[in-house]
PDB file of N, CA and C in Angstrom:
ATOM      1  N   MET A   1     -10.953  12.451  -0.264  1.00  0.00           N
ATOM      2  CA  MET A   1     -11.872  11.824  -1.161  1.00  0.00           C
ATOM      3  C   MET A   1     -12.883  12.845  -1.674  1.00  0.00           C
ATOM      4  N   ILE A   2     -13.385  13.672  -0.791  1.00  0.00           N
ATOM      5  CA  ILE A   2     -14.362  14.684  -1.199  1.00  0.00           C
ATOM      6  C   ILE A   2     -13.738  15.621  -2.220  1.00  0.00           C
ATOM      7  N   GLU A   3     -12.483  15.993  -1.985  1.00  0.00           N
ATOM      8  CA  GLU A   3     -11.780  16.869  -2.926  1.00  0.00           C
ATOM      9  C   GLU A   3     -11.701  16.226  -4.311  1.00  0.00           C
ATOM     10  N   LEU A   4     -11.428  14.938  -4.361  1.00  0.00           N
ATOM     11  CA  LEU A   4     -11.359  14.241  -5.647  1.00  0.00           C
ATOM     12  C   LEU A   4     -12.710  14.223  -6.345  1.00  0.00           C
ATOM     13  N   ILE A   5     -13.770  13.999  -5.596  1.00  0.00           N
ATOM     14  CA  ILE A   5     -15.112  13.995  -6.177  1.00  0.00           C
ATOM     15  C   ILE A   5     -15.464  15.374  -6.707  1.00  0.00           C
ATOM     16  N   GLU A   6     -15.104  16.418  -5.971  1.00  0.00           N
ATOM     17  CA  GLU A   6     -15.363  17.778  -6.435  1.00  0.00           C
ATOM     18  C   GLU A   6     -14.594  18.090  -7.706  1.00  0.00           C
ATOM     19  N   GLN A   7     -13.379  17.547  -7.840  1.00  0.00           N
ATOM     20  CA  GLN A   7     -12.584  17.783  -9.040  1.00  0.00           C
ATOM     21  C   GLN A   7     -13.197  17.120 -10.265  1.00  0.00           C
ATOM     22  N   LEU A   8     -13.981  16.070 -10.065  1.00  0.00           N
ATOM     23  CA  LEU A   8     -14.640  15.418 -11.195  1.00  0.00           C
ATOM     24  C   LEU A   8     -15.676  16.332 -11.829  1.00  0.00           C
ATOM     25  N   GLY A   9     -16.310  17.150 -11.000  1.00  0.00           N
ATOM     26  CA  GLY A   9     -17.285  18.107 -11.508  1.00  0.00           C
ATOM     27  C   GLY A   9     -18.329  17.439 -12.380  1.00  0.00           C
ATOM     28  N   ASP A  10     -18.464  17.944 -13.598  1.00  0.00           N
ATOM     29  CA  ASP A  10     -19.448  17.415 -14.540  1.00  0.00           C
ATOM     30  C   ASP A  10     -18.821  16.431 -15.522  1.00  0.00           C
ATOM     31  N   ALA A  11     -17.770  15.770 -15.125  1.00  0.00           N
ATOM     32  CA  ALA A  11     -17.079  14.837 -16.022  1.00  0.00           C
ATOM     33  C   ALA A  11     -18.018  13.720 -16.471  1.00  0.00           C
ATOM     34  N   ASN A  12     -17.860  13.331 -17.725  1.00  0.00           N
ATOM     35  CA  ASN A  12     -18.665  12.241 -18.274  1.00  0.00           C
ATOM     36  C   ASN A  12     -17.985  10.889 -18.083  1.00  0.00           C
ATOM     37  N   ASN A  13     -16.665  10.900 -18.028  1.00  0.00           N
ATOM     38  CA  ASN A  13     -15.900   9.666 -17.893  1.00  0.00           C
ATOM     39  C   ASN A  13     -14.946   9.777 -16.715  1.00  0.00           C
ATOM     40  N   PHE A  14     -14.873   8.735 -15.942  1.00  0.00           N
ATOM     41  CA  PHE A  14     -13.887   8.672 -14.876  1.00  0.00           C
ATOM     42  C   PHE A  14     -13.570   7.212 -14.604  1.00  0.00           C
ATOM     43  N   SER A  15     -12.475   6.967 -13.929  1.00  0.00           N
ATOM     44  CA  SER A  15     -12.001   5.601 -13.679  1.00  0.00           C
ATOM     45  C   SER A  15     -12.140   5.241 -12.212  1.00  0.00           C
ATOM     46  N   THR A  16     -12.230   3.961 -11.959  1.00  0.00           N
ATOM     47  CA  THR A  16     -12.168   3.451 -10.592  1.00  0.00           C
ATOM     48  C   THR A  16     -10.991   2.495 -10.505  1.00  0.00           C
ATOM     49  N   LEU A  17     -10.444   2.382  -9.314  1.00  0.00           N
ATOM     50  CA  LEU A  17      -9.292   1.515  -9.100  1.00  0.00           C
ATOM     51  C   LEU A  17      -9.575   0.555  -7.958  1.00  0.00           C
ATOM     52  N   ASP A  18      -9.127  -0.655  -8.103  1.00  0.00           N
ATOM     53  CA  ASP A  18      -9.183  -1.627  -7.016  1.00  0.00           C
ATOM     54  C   ASP A  18      -7.808  -1.625  -6.359  1.00  0.00           C
ATOM     55  N   LEU A  19      -7.704  -1.017  -5.202  1.00  0.00           N
ATOM     56  CA  LEU A  19      -6.404  -0.830  -4.562  1.00  0.00           C
ATOM     57  C   LEU A  19      -6.090  -1.883  -3.503  1.00  0.00           C
ATOM     58  N   ILE A  20      -6.885  -2.939  -3.448  1.00  0.00           N
ATOM     59  CA  ILE A  20      -6.643  -3.979  -2.449  1.00  0.00           C
ATOM     60  C   ILE A  20      -5.233  -4.539  -2.567  1.00  0.00           C
ATOM     61  N   SER A  21      -4.790  -4.814  -3.788  1.00  0.00           N
ATOM     62  CA  SER A  21      -3.461  -5.404  -3.964  1.00  0.00           C
ATOM     63  C   SER A  21      -2.364  -4.344  -4.001  1.00  0.00           C
ATOM     64  N   GLY A  22      -2.730  -3.078  -3.889  1.00  0.00           N
ATOM     65  CA  GLY A  22      -1.741  -2.010  -3.933  1.00  0.00           C
ATOM     66  C   GLY A  22      -0.699  -2.102  -2.837  1.00  0.00           C
ATOM     67  N   PHE A  23      -1.127  -2.568  -1.669  1.00  0.00           N
ATOM     68  CA  PHE A  23      -0.184  -2.714  -0.563  1.00  0.00           C
ATOM     69  C   PHE A  23       0.929  -3.681  -0.927  1.00  0.00           C
ATOM     70  N   PHE A  24       0.572  -4.757  -1.595  1.00  0.00           N
ATOM     71  CA  PHE A  24       1.543  -5.801  -1.925  1.00  0.00           C
ATOM     72  C   PHE A  24       2.409  -5.441  -3.127  1.00  0.00           C
ATOM     73  N   GLN A  25       2.146  -4.312  -3.766  1.00  0.00           N
ATOM     74  CA  GLN A  25       2.931  -3.877  -4.913  1.00  0.00           C
ATOM     75  C   GLN A  25       3.948  -2.805  -4.542  1.00  0.00           C
ATOM     76  N   THR A  26       3.867  -2.297  -3.328  1.00  0.00           N
ATOM     77  CA  THR A  26       4.758  -1.236  -2.876  1.00  0.00           C
ATOM     78  C   THR A  26       5.993  -1.846  -2.224  1.00  0.00           C
ATOM     79  N   LYS A  27       7.158  -1.589  -2.806  1.00  0.00           N
ATOM     80  CA  LYS A  27       8.395  -2.169  -2.278  1.00  0.00           C
ATOM     81  C   LYS A  27       8.793  -1.508  -0.962  1.00  0.00           C
ATOM     82  N   MET A  28       9.310  -2.317  -0.057  1.00  0.00           N
ATOM     83  CA  MET A  28       9.866  -1.799   1.187  1.00  0.00           C
ATOM     84  C   MET A  28      11.322  -1.425   0.946  1.00  0.00           C
ATOM     85  N   HIS A  29      11.800  -0.461   1.690  1.00  0.00           N
ATOM     86  CA  HIS A  29      13.217  -0.113   1.614  1.00  0.00           C
ATOM     87  C   HIS A  29      14.015  -1.302   2.154  1.00  0.00           C
ATOM     88  N   PRO A  30      15.093  -1.695   1.472  1.00  0.00           N
ATOM     89  CA  PRO A  30      15.876  -2.864   1.910  1.00  0.00           C
ATOM     90  C   PRO A  30      16.339  -2.800   3.370  1.00  0.00           C
ATOM     91  N   ASP A  31      16.581  -1.602   3.874  1.00  0.00           N
ATOM     92  CA  ASP A  31      17.015  -1.467   5.269  1.00  0.00           C
ATOM     93  C   ASP A  31      15.892  -1.756   6.266  1.00  0.00           C
ATOM     94  N   ASP A  32      14.644  -1.808   5.791  1.00  0.00           N
ATOM     95  CA  ASP A  32      13.504  -1.992   6.686  1.00  0.00           C
ATOM     96  C   ASP A  32      12.903  -3.391   6.657  1.00  0.00           C
ATOM     97  N   THR A  33      13.347  -4.243   5.746  1.00  0.00           N
ATOM     98  CA  THR A  33      12.719  -5.562   5.635  1.00  0.00           C
ATOM     99  C   THR A  33      12.889  -6.403   6.899  1.00  0.00           C
ATOM    100  N   PHE A  34      13.981  -6.217   7.622  1.00  0.00           N
ATOM    101  CA  PHE A  34      14.183  -7.013   8.841  1.00  0.00           C
ATOM    102  C   PHE A  34      13.086  -6.753   9.866  1.00  0.00           C
ATOM    103  N   LYS A  35      12.453  -5.586   9.800  1.00  0.00           N
ATOM    104  CA  LYS A  35      11.388  -5.241  10.746  1.00  0.00           C
ATOM    105  C   LYS A  35      10.124  -6.057  10.500  1.00  0.00           C
ATOM    106  N   SER A  36      10.018  -6.641   9.313  1.00  0.00           N
ATOM    107  CA  SER A  36       8.816  -7.395   8.967  1.00  0.00           C
ATOM    108  C   SER A  36       9.011  -8.896   9.135  1.00  0.00           C
ATOM    109  N   GLY A  37      10.117  -9.296   9.713  1.00  0.00           N
ATOM    110  CA  GLY A  37      10.453 -10.716   9.814  1.00  0.00           C
ATOM    111  C   GLY A  37       9.503 -11.519  10.685  1.00  0.00           C
ATOM    112  N   PHE A  38       9.346 -12.780  10.320  1.00  0.00           N
ATOM    113  CA  PHE A  38       8.556 -13.715  11.113  1.00  0.00           C
ATOM    114  C   PHE A  38       9.112 -15.120  10.899  1.00  0.00           C
ATOM    115  N   SER A  39       8.820 -15.997  11.823  1.00  0.00           N
ATOM    116  CA  SER A  39       9.331 -17.369  11.765  1.00  0.00           C
ATOM    117  C   SER A  39       8.184 -18.365  11.716  1.00  0.00           C
ATOM    118  N   THR A  40       8.399 -19.432  10.966  1.00  0.00           N
ATOM    119  CA  THR A  40       7.471 -20.557  10.925  1.00  0.00           C
ATOM    120  C   THR A  40       8.284 -21.836  11.075  1.00  0.00           C
ATOM    121  N   ARG A  41       7.615 -22.953  11.068  1.00  0.00           N
ATOM    122  CA  ARG A  41       8.332 -24.230  11.160  1.00  0.00           C
ATOM    123  C   ARG A  41       9.247 -24.446   9.963  1.00  0.00           C
ATOM    124  N   SER A  42       8.873 -23.862   8.829  1.00  0.00           N
ATOM    125  CA  SER A  42       9.666 -24.083   7.613  1.00  0.00           C
ATOM    126  C   SER A  42      10.778 -23.056   7.420  1.00  0.00           C
ATOM    127  N   GLY A  43      10.883 -22.074   8.316  1.00  0.00           N
ATOM    128  CA  GLY A  43      11.987 -21.134   8.202  1.00  0.00           C
ATOM    129  C   GLY A  43      11.646 -19.725   8.635  1.00  0.00           C
ATOM    130  N   ASP A  44      12.604 -18.834   8.449  1.00  0.00           N
ATOM    131  CA  ASP A  44      12.453 -17.416   8.784  1.00  0.00           C
ATOM    132  C   ASP A  44      12.235 -16.639   7.495  1.00  0.00           C
ATOM    133  N   TYR A  45      11.329 -15.661   7.552  1.00  0.00           N
ATOM    134  CA  TYR A  45      10.974 -14.907   6.355  1.00  0.00           C
ATOM    135  C   TYR A  45      10.909 -13.420   6.659  1.00  0.00           C
ATOM    136  N   GLU A  46      11.065 -12.601   5.616  1.00  0.00           N
ATOM    137  CA  GLU A  46      10.895 -11.150   5.699  1.00  0.00           C
ATOM    138  C   GLU A  46      10.098 -10.714   4.478  1.00  0.00           C
ATOM    139  N   TRP A  47       9.183  -9.784   4.688  1.00  0.00           N
ATOM    140  CA  TRP A  47       8.450  -9.217   3.567  1.00  0.00           C
ATOM    141  C   TRP A  47       9.393  -8.327   2.765  1.00  0.00           C
ATOM    142  N   LEU A  48       9.306  -8.383   1.446  1.00  0.00           N
ATOM    143  CA  LEU A  48      10.051  -7.479   0.576  1.00  0.00           C
ATOM    144  C   LEU A  48       9.153  -6.351   0.093  1.00  0.00           C
ATOM    145  N   ARG A  49       7.864  -6.565   0.228  1.00  0.00           N
ATOM    146  CA  ARG A  49       6.864  -5.563  -0.136  1.00  0.00           C
ATOM    147  C   ARG A  49       5.946  -5.364   1.060  1.00  0.00           C
ATOM    148  N   THR A  50       5.272  -4.239   1.091  1.00  0.00           N
ATOM    149  CA  THR A  50       4.418  -3.936   2.235  1.00  0.00           C
ATOM    150  C   THR A  50       3.218  -4.874   2.270  1.00  0.00           C
ATOM    151  N   SER A  51       2.635  -5.025   3.442  1.00  0.00           N
ATOM    152  CA  SER A  51       1.452  -5.866   3.598  1.00  0.00           C
ATOM    153  C   SER A  51       0.494  -5.197   4.574  1.00  0.00           C
ATOM    154  N   PHE A  52      -0.711  -5.733   4.650  1.00  0.00           N
ATOM    155  CA  PHE A  52      -1.679  -5.228   5.607  1.00  0.00           C
ATOM    156  C   PHE A  52      -1.183  -5.502   7.021  1.00  0.00           C
ATOM    157  N   GLY A  53      -1.526  -4.620   7.940  1.00  0.00           N
ATOM    158  CA  GLY A  53      -1.144  -4.812   9.327  1.00  0.00           C
ATOM    159  C   GLY A  53       0.111  -4.064   9.733  1.00  0.00           C
ATOM    160  N   MET A  54       0.884  -3.595   8.767  1.00  0.00           N
ATOM    161  CA  MET A  54       2.062  -2.793   9.106  1.00  0.00           C
ATOM    162  C   MET A  54       1.583  -1.387   9.443  1.00  0.00           C
ATOM    163  N   ARG A  55       2.039  -0.870  10.546  1.00  0.00           N
ATOM    164  CA  ARG A  55       1.479   0.344  11.129  1.00  0.00           C
ATOM    165  C   ARG A  55       1.501   1.560  10.224  1.00  0.00           C
ATOM    166  N   LYS A  56       2.583   1.849   9.545  1.00  0.00           N
ATOM    167  CA  LYS A  56       2.688   3.102   8.795  1.00  0.00           C
ATOM    168  C   LYS A  56       2.407   2.946   7.306  1.00  0.00           C
ATOM    169  N   VAL A  57       2.066   1.750   6.883  1.00  0.00           N
ATOM    170  CA  VAL A  57       1.839   1.510   5.458  1.00  0.00           C
ATOM    171  C   VAL A  57       0.648   2.305   4.908  1.00  0.00           C
ATOM    172  N   PRO A  58      -0.500   2.378   5.594  1.00  0.00           N
ATOM    173  CA  PRO A  58      -1.610   3.139   5.011  1.00  0.00           C
ATOM    174  C   PRO A  58      -1.259   4.596   4.704  1.00  0.00           C
ATOM    175  N   SER A  59      -0.554   5.272   5.587  1.00  0.00           N
ATOM    176  CA  SER A  59      -0.201   6.670   5.319  1.00  0.00           C
ATOM    177  C   SER A  59       0.834   6.771   4.207  1.00  0.00           C
ATOM    178  N   SER A  60       1.765   5.835   4.146  1.00  0.00           N
ATOM    179  CA  SER A  60       2.753   5.840   3.061  1.00  0.00           C
ATOM    180  C   SER A  60       2.075   5.576   1.728  1.00  0.00           C
ATOM    181  N   PHE A  61       1.138   4.638   1.714  1.00  0.00           N
ATOM    182  CA  PHE A  61       0.407   4.320   0.488  1.00  0.00           C
ATOM    183  C   PHE A  61      -0.423   5.523   0.039  1.00  0.00           C
ATOM    184  N   GLN A  62      -1.030   6.223   0.985  1.00  0.00           N
ATOM    185  CA  GLN A  62      -1.816   7.415   0.658  1.00  0.00           C
ATOM    186  C   GLN A  62      -0.935   8.487   0.037  1.00  0.00           C
ATOM    187  N   ARG A  63       0.276   8.659   0.561  1.00  0.00           N
ATOM    188  CA  ARG A  63       1.206   9.633  -0.023  1.00  0.00           C
ATOM    189  C   ARG A  63       1.547   9.267  -1.462  1.00  0.00           C
ATOM    190  N   LEU A  64       1.736   7.982  -1.734  1.00  0.00           N
ATOM    191  CA  LEU A  64       2.028   7.544  -3.099  1.00  0.00           C
ATOM    192  C   LEU A  64       0.875   7.847  -4.043  1.00  0.00           C
ATOM    193  N   MET A  65      -0.350   7.725  -3.537  1.00  0.00           N
ATOM    194  CA  MET A  65      -1.524   7.940  -4.380  1.00  0.00           C
ATOM    195  C   MET A  65      -1.818   9.417  -4.603  1.00  0.00           C
ATOM    196  N   SER A  66      -1.315  10.279  -3.738  1.00  0.00           N
ATOM    197  CA  SER A  66      -1.639  11.713  -3.842  1.00  0.00           C
ATOM    198  C   SER A  66      -0.817  12.413  -4.843  1.00  0.00           C
TER     199      SER A  66
END
């Protein structure tokens, strides 16, 4: 983050991003969706996109942003 701020330097214009929904926009590899499975009374489900709480998602998301 500090590196990004330093790169802005004396810039007059810059953008901000709301990345809260970014996790839900990143597709999971089809071979990995079974790892995200959960069951409810209405059935069994698997995430097709990443969500909060998955252990390696923050580092993967950071790599995508870099």
